[in-house]
Amino acid sequence: MKKDVKEEFIEQALRYIEGIKKGPLSKSHAAHKKLRKICKHQCEAEDRGYQFFSELVTHEEPAVRLWAATFLYLSDPTTATTEFQSLEKLKSPHISGGAYMNLKDIERGVYKITFD
């Protein structure tokens, strides 16, 4: 049975952070590639992924919320920024650090999303 796209997104977000935390990095790189593919497809939708990412930005796992907020920024920058601020407060190096960097890029006006 083929996985639902949201289930795949969640699984890959968790694999990504696990690879970063515990290794091997090849696990993280593979998950990153799959996440980018999912996100590119969702962002090409008419709503720029709003429905997809706005549901995932409330997930219980911080890694899922970080990835969802990253791409939700295209369609709902206010909610994405609020989520980055919330994640930054977790003081989890891998999650908070990513949220912090995204916030700094937004603050400097250089935040951009790429799919390559």
PDB file of N, CA and C in Angstrom:
ATOM      1  N   MET A   1       0.839  -1.185   0.000  1.00  0.00           N
ATOM      2  CA  MET A   1       0.000   0.000   0.000  1.00  0.00           C
ATOM      3  C   MET A   1       0.885   1.251   0.000  1.00  0.00           C
ATOM      4  N   LYS A   2       0.609   2.147  -0.914  1.00  0.00           N
ATOM      5  CA  LYS A   2       1.397   3.367  -1.035  1.00  0.00           C
ATOM      6  C   LYS A   2       1.074   4.341   0.107  1.00  0.00           C
ATOM      7  N   LYS A   3       2.120   5.003   0.606  1.00  0.00           N
ATOM      8  CA  LYS A   3       1.941   5.949   1.708  1.00  0.00           C
ATOM      9  C   LYS A   3       1.262   7.223   1.229  1.00  0.00           C
ATOM     10  N   ASP A   4       0.494   7.794   2.103  1.00  0.00           N
ATOM     11  CA  ASP A   4      -0.082   9.111   1.911  1.00  0.00           C
ATOM     12  C   ASP A   4       1.067  10.125   1.880  1.00  0.00           C
ATOM     13  N   VAL A   5       0.907  11.199   1.124  1.00  0.00           N
ATOM     14  CA  VAL A   5       1.961  12.210   0.995  1.00  0.00           C
ATOM     15  C   VAL A   5       2.297  12.834   2.349  1.00  0.00           C
ATOM     16  N   LYS A   6       1.299  13.073   3.169  1.00  0.00           N
ATOM     17  CA  LYS A   6       1.562  13.650   4.496  1.00  0.00           C
ATOM     18  C   LYS A   6       2.334  12.675   5.372  1.00  0.00           C
ATOM     19  N   GLU A   7       1.977  11.401   5.303  1.00  0.00           N
ATOM     20  CA  GLU A   7       2.708  10.383   6.064  1.00  0.00           C
ATOM     21  C   GLU A   7       4.164  10.329   5.612  1.00  0.00           C
ATOM     22  N   GLU A   8       4.370  10.407   4.311  1.00  0.00           N
ATOM     23  CA  GLU A   8       5.736  10.389   3.761  1.00  0.00           C
ATOM     24  C   GLU A   8       6.513  11.623   4.226  1.00  0.00           C
ATOM     25  N   PHE A   9       5.870  12.782   4.214  1.00  0.00           N
ATOM     26  CA  PHE A   9       6.497  14.014   4.669  1.00  0.00           C
ATOM     27  C   PHE A   9       6.942  13.882   6.127  1.00  0.00           C
ATOM     28  N   ILE A  10       6.046  13.395   6.966  1.00  0.00           N
ATOM     29  CA  ILE A  10       6.342  13.222   8.390  1.00  0.00           C
ATOM     30  C   ILE A  10       7.491  12.249   8.580  1.00  0.00           C
ATOM     31  N   GLU A  11       7.427  11.123   7.897  1.00  0.00           N
ATOM     32  CA  GLU A  11       8.486  10.113   8.014  1.00  0.00           C
ATOM     33  C   GLU A  11       9.840  10.677   7.583  1.00  0.00           C
ATOM     34  N   GLN A  12       9.868  11.396   6.484  1.00  0.00           N
ATOM     35  CA  GLN A  12      11.129  11.943   5.990  1.00  0.00           C
ATOM     36  C   GLN A  12      11.661  13.070   6.880  1.00  0.00           C
ATOM     37  N   ALA A  13      10.774  13.882   7.437  1.00  0.00           N
ATOM     38  CA  ALA A  13      11.217  14.938   8.360  1.00  0.00           C
ATOM     39  C   ALA A  13      11.875  14.322   9.593  1.00  0.00           C
ATOM     40  N   LEU A  14      11.300  13.233  10.079  1.00  0.00           N
ATOM     41  CA  LEU A  14      11.870  12.553  11.247  1.00  0.00           C
ATOM     42  C   LEU A  14      13.180  11.845  10.892  1.00  0.00           C
ATOM     43  N   ARG A  15      13.240  11.252   9.708  1.00  0.00           N
ATOM     44  CA  ARG A  15      14.491  10.618   9.250  1.00  0.00           C
ATOM     45  C   ARG A  15      15.593  11.659   9.095  1.00  0.00           C
ATOM     46  N   TYR A  16      15.221  12.808   8.577  1.00  0.00           N
ATOM     47  CA  TYR A  16      16.191  13.881   8.375  1.00  0.00           C
ATOM     48  C   TYR A  16      16.832  14.286   9.701  1.00  0.00           C
ATOM     49  N   ILE A  17      16.002  14.570  10.690  1.00  0.00           N
ATOM     50  CA  ILE A  17      16.540  15.030  11.973  1.00  0.00           C
ATOM     51  C   ILE A  17      17.298  13.914  12.679  1.00  0.00           C
ATOM     52  N   GLU A  18      16.848  12.678  12.534  1.00  0.00           N
ATOM     53  CA  GLU A  18      17.558  11.545  13.129  1.00  0.00           C
ATOM     54  C   GLU A  18      18.947  11.396  12.504  1.00  0.00           C
ATOM     55  N   GLY A  19      19.019  11.564  11.199  1.00  0.00           N
ATOM     56  CA  GLY A  19      20.313  11.488  10.518  1.00  0.00           C
ATOM     57  C   GLY A  19      21.256  12.597  10.954  1.00  0.00           C
ATOM     58  N   ILE A  20      20.709  13.772  11.186  1.00  0.00           N
ATOM     59  CA  ILE A  20      21.521  14.901  11.663  1.00  0.00           C
ATOM     60  C   ILE A  20      22.027  14.626  13.077  1.00  0.00           C
ATOM     61  N   LYS A  21      21.139  14.138  13.931  1.00  0.00           N
ATOM     62  CA  LYS A  21      21.489  13.913  15.334  1.00  0.00           C
ATOM     63  C   LYS A  21      22.408  12.711  15.540  1.00  0.00           C
ATOM     64  N   LYS A  22      22.076  11.592  14.904  1.00  0.00           N
ATOM     65  CA  LYS A  22      22.760  10.334  15.204  1.00  0.00           C
ATOM     66  C   LYS A  22      23.571   9.769  14.046  1.00  0.00           C
ATOM     67  N   GLY A  23      23.327  10.287  12.843  1.00  0.00           N
ATOM     68  CA  GLY A  23      24.012   9.748  11.676  1.00  0.00           C
ATOM     69  C   GLY A  23      23.343   8.491  11.171  1.00  0.00           C
ATOM     70  N   PRO A  24      23.787   7.969  10.123  1.00  0.00           N
ATOM     71  CA  PRO A  24      24.770   8.569   9.229  1.00  0.00           C
ATOM     72  C   PRO A  24      24.156   9.734   8.461  1.00  0.00           C
ATOM     73  N   LEU A  25      25.004  10.654   8.045  1.00  0.00           N
ATOM     74  CA  LEU A  25      24.523  11.814   7.317  1.00  0.00           C
ATOM     75  C   LEU A  25      23.885  11.433   5.991  1.00  0.00           C
ATOM     76  N   SER A  26      24.257  10.290   5.443  1.00  0.00           N
ATOM     77  CA  SER A  26      23.643   9.850   4.190  1.00  0.00           C
ATOM     78  C   SER A  26      22.132   9.651   4.374  1.00  0.00           C
ATOM     79  N   LYS A  27      21.725   9.250   5.563  1.00  0.00           N
ATOM     80  CA  LYS A  27      20.301   9.095   5.888  1.00  0.00           C
ATOM     81  C   LYS A  27      19.610  10.457   5.825  1.00  0.00           C
ATOM     82  N   SER A  28      20.268  11.452   6.387  1.00  0.00           N
ATOM     83  CA  SER A  28      19.735  12.803   6.392  1.00  0.00           C
ATOM     84  C   SER A  28      19.673  13.364   4.971  1.00  0.00           C
ATOM     85  N   HIS A  29      20.729  13.138   4.193  1.00  0.00           N
ATOM     86  CA  HIS A  29      20.765  13.643   2.816  1.00  0.00           C
ATOM     87  C   HIS A  29      19.658  13.027   1.963  1.00  0.00           C
ATOM     88  N   ALA A  30      19.436  11.730   2.121  1.00  0.00           N
ATOM     89  CA  ALA A  30      18.387  11.045   1.363  1.00  0.00           C
ATOM     90  C   ALA A  30      17.010  11.578   1.747  1.00  0.00           C
ATOM     91  N   ALA A  31      16.785  11.786   3.037  1.00  0.00           N
ATOM     92  CA  ALA A  31      15.507  12.328   3.509  1.00  0.00           C
ATOM     93  C   ALA A  31      15.314  13.756   2.998  1.00  0.00           C
ATOM     94  N   HIS A  32      16.386  14.534   3.014  1.00  0.00           N
ATOM     95  CA  HIS A  32      16.344  15.917   2.533  1.00  0.00           C
ATOM     96  C   HIS A  32      15.913  15.955   1.064  1.00  0.00           C
ATOM     97  N   LYS A  33      16.459  15.092   0.272  1.00  0.00           N
ATOM     98  CA  LYS A  33      16.128  15.028  -1.148  1.00  0.00           C
ATOM     99  C   LYS A  33      14.645  14.696  -1.350  1.00  0.00           C
ATOM    100  N   LYS A  34      14.143  13.730  -0.591  1.00  0.00           N
ATOM    101  CA  LYS A  34      12.736  13.347  -0.702  1.00  0.00           C
ATOM    102  C   LYS A  34      11.816  14.467  -0.213  1.00  0.00           C
ATOM    103  N   LEU A  35      12.207  15.132   0.863  1.00  0.00           N
ATOM    104  CA  LEU A  35      11.408  16.241   1.379  1.00  0.00           C
ATOM    105  C   LEU A  35      11.314  17.372   0.359  1.00  0.00           C
ATOM    106  N   ARG A  36      12.425  17.699  -0.257  1.00  0.00           N
ATOM    107  CA  ARG A  36      12.430  18.766  -1.271  1.00  0.00           C
ATOM    108  C   ARG A  36      11.502  18.424  -2.430  1.00  0.00           C
ATOM    109  N   LYS A  37      11.492  17.167  -2.814  1.00  0.00           N
ATOM    110  CA  LYS A  37      10.624  16.731  -3.913  1.00  0.00           C
ATOM    111  C   LYS A  37       9.147  16.886  -3.527  1.00  0.00           C
ATOM    112  N   ILE A  38       8.807  16.445  -2.331  1.00  0.00           N
ATOM    113  CA  ILE A  38       7.431  16.580  -1.841  1.00  0.00           C
ATOM    114  C   ILE A  38       7.049  18.059  -1.771  1.00  0.00           C
ATOM    115  N   CYS A  39       7.931  18.862  -1.202  1.00  0.00           N
ATOM    116  CA  CYS A  39       7.643  20.284  -1.005  1.00  0.00           C
ATOM    117  C   CYS A  39       7.514  21.018  -2.332  1.00  0.00           C
ATOM    118  N   LYS A  40       8.347  20.686  -3.288  1.00  0.00           N
ATOM    119  CA  LYS A  40       8.263  21.317  -4.609  1.00  0.00           C
ATOM    120  C   LYS A  40       6.897  21.038  -5.219  1.00  0.00           C
ATOM    121  N   HIS A  41       6.483  19.801  -5.157  1.00  0.00           N
ATOM    122  CA  HIS A  41       5.178  19.425  -5.703  1.00  0.00           C
ATOM    123  C   HIS A  41       4.051  20.180  -4.994  1.00  0.00           C
ATOM    124  N   GLN A  42       4.101  20.257  -3.682  1.00  0.00           N
ATOM    125  CA  GLN A  42       3.051  20.945  -2.919  1.00  0.00           C
ATOM    126  C   GLN A  42       3.054  22.447  -3.195  1.00  0.00           C
ATOM    127  N   CYS A  43       4.227  23.037  -3.325  1.00  0.00           N
ATOM    128  CA  CYS A  43       4.320  24.481  -3.558  1.00  0.00           C
ATOM    129  C   CYS A  43       3.884  24.868  -4.967  1.00  0.00           C
ATOM    130  N   GLU A  44       3.858  23.913  -5.867  1.00  0.00           N
ATOM    131  CA  GLU A  44       3.384  24.177  -7.225  1.00  0.00           C
ATOM    132  C   GLU A  44       1.858  24.123  -7.319  1.00  0.00           C
ATOM    133  N   ALA A  45       1.197  23.723  -6.251  1.00  0.00           N
ATOM    134  CA  ALA A  45      -0.269  23.682  -6.228  1.00  0.00           C
ATOM    135  C   ALA A  45      -0.818  25.102  -6.280  1.00  0.00           C
ATOM    136  N   GLU A  46      -2.086  25.195  -6.612  1.00  0.00           N
ATOM    137  CA  GLU A  46      -2.727  26.503  -6.755  1.00  0.00           C
ATOM    138  C   GLU A  46      -2.630  27.341  -5.476  1.00  0.00           C
ATOM    139  N   ASP A  47      -2.709  26.684  -4.326  1.00  0.00           N
ATOM    140  CA  ASP A  47      -2.651  27.419  -3.050  1.00  0.00           C
ATOM    141  C   ASP A  47      -1.227  27.541  -2.505  1.00  0.00           C
ATOM    142  N   ARG A  48      -0.235  27.190  -3.334  1.00  0.00           N
ATOM    143  CA  ARG A  48       1.194  27.258  -2.973  1.00  0.00           C
ATOM    144  C   ARG A  48       1.514  26.407  -1.743  1.00  0.00           C
ATOM    145  N   GLY A  49       0.756  25.352  -1.558  1.00  0.00           N
ATOM    146  CA  GLY A  49       0.994  24.424  -0.462  1.00  0.00           C
ATOM    147  C   GLY A  49       0.348  24.818   0.850  1.00  0.00           C
ATOM    148  N   TYR A  50      -0.475  25.856   0.835  1.00  0.00           N
ATOM    149  CA  TYR A  50      -1.054  26.355   2.087  1.00  0.00           C
ATOM    150  C   TYR A  50      -1.781  25.262   2.871  1.00  0.00           C
ATOM    151  N   GLN A  51      -2.693  24.568   2.238  1.00  0.00           N
ATOM    152  CA  GLN A  51      -3.484  23.553   2.937  1.00  0.00           C
ATOM    153  C   GLN A  51      -2.591  22.462   3.519  1.00  0.00           C
ATOM    154  N   PHE A  52      -1.679  21.975   2.713  1.00  0.00           N
ATOM    155  CA  PHE A  52      -0.776  20.890   3.116  1.00  0.00           C
ATOM    156  C   PHE A  52       0.096  21.305   4.311  1.00  0.00           C
ATOM    157  N   PHE A  53       0.799  22.411   4.170  1.00  0.00           N
ATOM    158  CA  PHE A  53       1.743  22.834   5.213  1.00  0.00           C
ATOM    159  C   PHE A  53       1.053  23.405   6.451  1.00  0.00           C
ATOM    160  N   SER A  54      -0.100  24.042   6.287  1.00  0.00           N
ATOM    161  CA  SER A  54      -0.773  24.609   7.464  1.00  0.00           C
ATOM    162  C   SER A  54      -1.286  23.504   8.382  1.00  0.00           C
ATOM    163  N   GLU A  55      -1.591  22.352   7.835  1.00  0.00           N
ATOM    164  CA  GLU A  55      -1.982  21.219   8.685  1.00  0.00           C
ATOM    165  C   GLU A  55      -0.761  20.624   9.390  1.00  0.00           C
ATOM    166  N   LEU A  56       0.344  20.552   8.708  1.00  0.00           N
ATOM    167  CA  LEU A  56       1.547  19.933   9.270  1.00  0.00           C
ATOM    168  C   LEU A  56       2.289  20.841  10.255  1.00  0.00           C
ATOM    169  N   VAL A  57       2.077  22.135  10.171  1.00  0.00           N
ATOM    170  CA  VAL A  57       2.777  23.064  11.062  1.00  0.00           C
ATOM    171  C   VAL A  57       2.292  22.934  12.504  1.00  0.00           C
ATOM    172  N   THR A  58       1.222  22.182  12.712  1.00  0.00           N
ATOM    173  CA  THR A  58       0.717  21.955  14.074  1.00  0.00           C
ATOM    174  C   THR A  58       1.033  20.542  14.569  1.00  0.00           C
ATOM    175  N   HIS A  59       1.831  19.820  13.839  1.00  0.00           N
ATOM    176  CA  HIS A  59       2.188  18.443  14.217  1.00  0.00           C
ATOM    177  C   HIS A  59       2.910  18.438  15.563  1.00  0.00           C
ATOM    178  N   GLU A  60       2.824  17.330  16.265  1.00  0.00           N
ATOM    179  CA  GLU A  60       3.454  17.236  17.595  1.00  0.00           C
ATOM    180  C   GLU A  60       4.985  17.205  17.529  1.00  0.00           C
ATOM    181  N   GLU A  61       5.541  16.743  16.428  1.00  0.00           N
ATOM    182  CA  GLU A  61       7.001  16.634  16.314  1.00  0.00           C
ATOM    183  C   GLU A  61       7.608  17.944  15.800  1.00  0.00           C
ATOM    184  N   PRO A  62       8.550  18.514  16.536  1.00  0.00           N
ATOM    185  CA  PRO A  62       9.173  19.775  16.113  1.00  0.00           C
ATOM    186  C   PRO A  62       9.844  19.700  14.742  1.00  0.00           C
ATOM    187  N   ALA A  63      10.442  18.577  14.395  1.00  0.00           N
ATOM    188  CA  ALA A  63      11.103  18.469  13.089  1.00  0.00           C
ATOM    189  C   ALA A  63      10.095  18.616  11.954  1.00  0.00           C
ATOM    190  N   VAL A  64       8.921  18.068  12.127  1.00  0.00           N
ATOM    191  CA  VAL A  64       7.859  18.176  11.124  1.00  0.00           C
ATOM    192  C   VAL A  64       7.402  19.626  11.031  1.00  0.00           C
ATOM    193  N   ARG A  65       7.230  20.263  12.181  1.00  0.00           N
ATOM    194  CA  ARG A  65       6.793  21.667  12.192  1.00  0.00           C
ATOM    195  C   ARG A  65       7.820  22.580  11.532  1.00  0.00           C
ATOM    196  N   LEU A  66       9.106  22.312  11.757  1.00  0.00           N
ATOM    197  CA  LEU A  66      10.147  23.135  11.144  1.00  0.00           C
ATOM    198  C   LEU A  66      10.100  23.040   9.620  1.00  0.00           C
ATOM    199  N   TRP A  67      10.024  21.828   9.110  1.00  0.00           N
ATOM    200  CA  TRP A  67       9.945  21.656   7.662  1.00  0.00           C
ATOM    201  C   TRP A  67       8.667  22.269   7.107  1.00  0.00           C
ATOM    202  N   ALA A  68       7.554  22.072   7.786  1.00  0.00           N
ATOM    203  CA  ALA A  68       6.284  22.625   7.311  1.00  0.00           C
ATOM    204  C   ALA A  68       6.326  24.155   7.305  1.00  0.00           C
ATOM    205  N   ALA A  69       6.837  24.755   8.361  1.00  0.00           N
ATOM    206  CA  ALA A  69       6.921  26.218   8.440  1.00  0.00           C
ATOM    207  C   ALA A  69       7.839  26.780   7.357  1.00  0.00           C
ATOM    208  N   THR A  70       8.895  26.053   7.057  1.00  0.00           N
ATOM    209  CA  THR A  70       9.840  26.494   6.029  1.00  0.00           C
ATOM    210  C   THR A  70       9.125  26.746   4.707  1.00  0.00           C
ATOM    211  N   PHE A  71       8.216  25.866   4.336  1.00  0.00           N
ATOM    212  CA  PHE A  71       7.533  25.996   3.057  1.00  0.00           C
ATOM    213  C   PHE A  71       6.182  26.707   3.173  1.00  0.00           C
ATOM    214  N   LEU A  72       5.606  26.722   4.359  1.00  0.00           N
ATOM    215  CA  LEU A  72       4.389  27.494   4.577  1.00  0.00           C
ATOM    216  C   LEU A  72       4.667  28.986   4.371  1.00  0.00           C
ATOM    217  N   TYR A  73       5.899  29.382   4.554  1.00  0.00           N
ATOM    218  CA  TYR A  73       6.276  30.789   4.409  1.00  0.00           C
ATOM    219  C   TYR A  73       5.849  31.352   3.053  1.00  0.00           C
ATOM    220  N   LEU A  74       5.826  30.523   2.019  1.00  0.00           N
ATOM    221  CA  LEU A  74       5.426  30.984   0.688  1.00  0.00           C
ATOM    222  C   LEU A  74       3.980  31.474   0.649  1.00  0.00           C
ATOM    223  N   SER A  75       3.109  30.823   1.402  1.00  0.00           N
ATOM    224  CA  SER A  75       1.695  31.160   1.348  1.00  0.00           C
ATOM    225  C   SER A  75       1.176  31.855   2.608  1.00  0.00           C
ATOM    226  N   ASP A  76       1.886  31.715   3.720  1.00  0.00           N
ATOM    227  CA  ASP A  76       1.437  32.312   4.980  1.00  0.00           C
ATOM    228  C   ASP A  76       2.660  32.684   5.830  1.00  0.00           C
ATOM    229  N   PRO A  77       3.342  33.770   5.446  1.00  0.00           N
ATOM    230  CA  PRO A  77       4.559  34.149   6.170  1.00  0.00           C
ATOM    231  C   PRO A  77       4.350  34.445   7.650  1.00  0.00           C
ATOM    232  N   THR A  78       3.201  34.956   8.017  1.00  0.00           N
ATOM    233  CA  THR A  78       2.943  35.291   9.419  1.00  0.00           C
ATOM    234  C   THR A  78       2.916  34.039  10.289  1.00  0.00           C
ATOM    235  N   THR A  79       2.166  33.036   9.868  1.00  0.00           N
ATOM    236  CA  THR A  79       2.094  31.789  10.636  1.00  0.00           C
ATOM    237  C   THR A  79       3.445  31.092  10.664  1.00  0.00           C
ATOM    238  N   ALA A  80       4.134  31.069   9.540  1.00  0.00           N
ATOM    239  CA  ALA A  80       5.448  30.429   9.477  1.00  0.00           C
ATOM    240  C   ALA A  80       6.429  31.116  10.426  1.00  0.00           C
ATOM    241  N   THR A  81       6.446  32.425  10.418  1.00  0.00           N
ATOM    242  CA  THR A  81       7.354  33.177  11.295  1.00  0.00           C
ATOM    243  C   THR A  81       7.027  32.919  12.764  1.00  0.00           C
ATOM    244  N   THR A  82       5.743  32.887  13.095  1.00  0.00           N
ATOM    245  CA  THR A  82       5.330  32.595  14.468  1.00  0.00           C
ATOM    246  C   THR A  82       5.807  31.208  14.885  1.00  0.00           C
ATOM    247  N   GLU A  83       5.704  30.243  13.973  1.00  0.00           N
ATOM    248  CA  GLU A  83       6.159  28.887  14.288  1.00  0.00           C
ATOM    249  C   GLU A  83       7.675  28.847  14.448  1.00  0.00           C
ATOM    250  N   PHE A  84       8.415  29.554  13.617  1.00  0.00           N
ATOM    251  CA  PHE A  84       9.875  29.620  13.777  1.00  0.00           C
ATOM    252  C   PHE A  84      10.229  30.176  15.160  1.00  0.00           C
ATOM    253  N   GLN A  85       9.519  31.203  15.587  1.00  0.00           N
ATOM    254  CA  GLN A  85       9.769  31.802  16.908  1.00  0.00           C
ATOM    255  C   GLN A  85       9.494  30.794  18.015  1.00  0.00           C
ATOM    256  N   SER A  86       8.442  30.033  17.864  1.00  0.00           N
ATOM    257  CA  SER A  86       8.097  29.004  18.850  1.00  0.00           C
ATOM    258  C   SER A  86       9.161  27.904  18.886  1.00  0.00           C
ATOM    259  N   LEU A  87       9.589  27.464  17.730  1.00  0.00           N
ATOM    260  CA  LEU A  87      10.601  26.399  17.656  1.00  0.00           C
ATOM    261  C   LEU A  87      11.956  26.859  18.188  1.00  0.00           C
ATOM    262  N   GLU A  88      12.274  28.111  17.981  1.00  0.00           N
ATOM    263  CA  GLU A  88      13.542  28.649  18.474  1.00  0.00           C
ATOM    264  C   GLU A  88      13.607  28.557  20.005  1.00  0.00           C
ATOM    265  N   LYS A  89      12.486  28.704  20.664  1.00  0.00           N
ATOM    266  CA  LYS A  89      12.422  28.675  22.127  1.00  0.00           C
ATOM    267  C   LYS A  89      12.627  27.279  22.709  1.00  0.00           C
ATOM    268  N   LEU A  90      12.545  26.251  21.874  1.00  0.00           N
ATOM    269  CA  LEU A  90      12.713  24.882  22.370  1.00  0.00           C
ATOM    270  C   LEU A  90      14.128  24.607  22.875  1.00  0.00           C
ATOM    271  N   LYS A  91      15.070  25.377  22.399  1.00  0.00           N
ATOM    272  CA  LYS A  91      16.486  25.209  22.773  1.00  0.00           C
ATOM    273  C   LYS A  91      17.011  23.809  22.430  1.00  0.00           C
ATOM    274  N   SER A  92      16.496  23.272  21.349  1.00  0.00           N
ATOM    275  CA  SER A  92      16.985  22.013  20.796  1.00  0.00           C
ATOM    276  C   SER A  92      17.925  22.387  19.663  1.00  0.00           C
ATOM    277  N   PRO A  93      19.208  22.040  19.759  1.00  0.00           N
ATOM    278  CA  PRO A  93      20.191  22.546  18.805  1.00  0.00           C
ATOM    279  C   PRO A  93      19.803  22.387  17.331  1.00  0.00           C
ATOM    280  N   HIS A  94      19.297  21.261  16.960  1.00  0.00           N
ATOM    281  CA  HIS A  94      19.036  21.001  15.549  1.00  0.00           C
ATOM    282  C   HIS A  94      17.749  21.657  15.066  1.00  0.00           C
ATOM    283  N   ILE A  95      16.776  21.752  15.917  1.00  0.00           N
ATOM    284  CA  ILE A  95      15.499  22.377  15.552  1.00  0.00           C
ATOM    285  C   ILE A  95      15.580  23.890  15.766  1.00  0.00           C
ATOM    286  N   SER A  96      15.982  24.291  16.941  1.00  0.00           N
ATOM    287  CA  SER A  96      16.048  25.716  17.264  1.00  0.00           C
ATOM    288  C   SER A  96      17.041  26.448  16.379  1.00  0.00           C
ATOM    289  N   GLY A  97      18.136  25.795  16.062  1.00  0.00           N
ATOM    290  CA  GLY A  97      19.140  26.409  15.198  1.00  0.00           C
ATOM    291  C   GLY A  97      18.594  26.686  13.810  1.00  0.00           C
ATOM    292  N   GLY A  98      17.851  25.731  13.261  1.00  0.00           N
ATOM    293  CA  GLY A  98      17.237  25.930  11.946  1.00  0.00           C
ATOM    294  C   GLY A  98      16.211  27.049  11.975  1.00  0.00           C
ATOM    295  N   ALA A  99      15.390  27.067  13.018  1.00  0.00           N
ATOM    296  CA  ALA A  99      14.384  28.119  13.166  1.00  0.00           C
ATOM    297  C   ALA A  99      15.054  29.489  13.310  1.00  0.00           C
ATOM    298  N   TYR A 100      16.106  29.549  14.107  1.00  0.00           N
ATOM    299  CA  TYR A 100      16.846  30.794  14.318  1.00  0.00           C
ATOM    300  C   TYR A 100      17.405  31.323  13.000  1.00  0.00           C
ATOM    301  N   MET A 101      18.024  30.445  12.212  1.00  0.00           N
ATOM    302  CA  MET A 101      18.615  30.874  10.941  1.00  0.00           C
ATOM    303  C   MET A 101      17.532  31.364   9.982  1.00  0.00           C
ATOM    304  N   ASN A 102      16.400  30.691   9.969  1.00  0.00           N
ATOM    305  CA  ASN A 102      15.300  31.140   9.108  1.00  0.00           C
ATOM    306  C   ASN A 102      14.817  32.526   9.539  1.00  0.00           C
ATOM    307  N   LEU A 103      14.679  32.731  10.840  1.00  0.00           N
ATOM    308  CA  LEU A 103      14.245  34.037  11.340  1.00  0.00           C
ATOM    309  C   LEU A 103      15.243  35.133  10.989  1.00  0.00           C
ATOM    310  N   LYS A 104      16.513  34.836  11.100  1.00  0.00           N
ATOM    311  CA  LYS A 104      17.546  35.834  10.762  1.00  0.00           C
ATOM    312  C   LYS A 104      17.493  36.173   9.272  1.00  0.00           C
ATOM    313  N   ASP A 105      17.306  35.160   8.430  1.00  0.00           N
ATOM    314  CA  ASP A 105      17.191  35.411   6.992  1.00  0.00           C
ATOM    315  C   ASP A 105      15.950  36.250   6.677  1.00  0.00           C
ATOM    316  N   ILE A 106      14.848  35.974   7.359  1.00  0.00           N
ATOM    317  CA  ILE A 106      13.626  36.761   7.167  1.00  0.00           C
ATOM    318  C   ILE A 106      13.880  38.205   7.591  1.00  0.00           C
ATOM    319  N   GLU A 107      14.505  38.365   8.749  1.00  0.00           N
ATOM    320  CA  GLU A 107      14.809  39.695   9.287  1.00  0.00           C
ATOM    321  C   GLU A 107      15.680  40.503   8.324  1.00  0.00           C
ATOM    322  N   ARG A 108      16.647  39.841   7.701  1.00  0.00           N
ATOM    323  CA  ARG A 108      17.560  40.509   6.769  1.00  0.00           C
ATOM    324  C   ARG A 108      16.958  40.644   5.364  1.00  0.00           C
ATOM    325  N   GLY A 109      15.807  40.031   5.141  1.00  0.00           N
ATOM    326  CA  GLY A 109      15.168  40.110   3.832  1.00  0.00           C
ATOM    327  C   GLY A 109      15.799  39.208   2.790  1.00  0.00           C
ATOM    328  N   VAL A 110      16.493  38.162   3.236  1.00  0.00           N
ATOM    329  CA  VAL A 110      17.158  37.262   2.287  1.00  0.00           C
ATOM    330  C   VAL A 110      16.614  35.830   2.334  1.00  0.00           C
ATOM    331  N   TYR A 111      15.522  35.633   3.035  1.00  0.00           N
ATOM    332  CA  TYR A 111      14.942  34.293   3.129  1.00  0.00           C
ATOM    333  C   TYR A 111      14.415  33.887   1.767  1.00  0.00           C
ATOM    334  N   LYS A 112      14.846  32.713   1.310  1.00  0.00           N
ATOM    335  CA  LYS A 112      14.317  32.225   0.047  1.00  0.00           C
ATOM    336  C   LYS A 112      14.243  30.708   0.093  1.00  0.00           C
ATOM    337  N   ILE A 113      13.366  30.194  -0.717  1.00  0.00           N
ATOM    338  CA  ILE A 113      13.140  28.762  -0.764  1.00  0.00           C
ATOM    339  C   ILE A 113      13.614  28.269  -2.119  1.00  0.00           C
ATOM    340  N   THR A 114      14.459  27.254  -2.081  1.00  0.00           N
ATOM    341  CA  THR A 114      14.938  26.639  -3.317  1.00  0.00           C
ATOM    342  C   THR A 114      14.626  25.151  -3.275  1.00  0.00           C
ATOM    343  N   PHE A 115      14.538  24.565  -4.423  1.00  0.00           N
ATOM    344  CA  PHE A 115      14.180  23.155  -4.502  1.00  0.00           C
ATOM    345  C   PHE A 115      15.285  22.298  -5.101  1.00  0.00           C
ATOM    346  N   ASP A 116      16.441  22.864  -5.350  1.00  0.00           N
ATOM    347  CA  ASP A 116      17.526  22.070  -5.939  1.00  0.00           C
ATOM    348  C   ASP A 116      18.362  21.367  -4.921  1.00  0.00           C
TER     349      ASP A 116
END
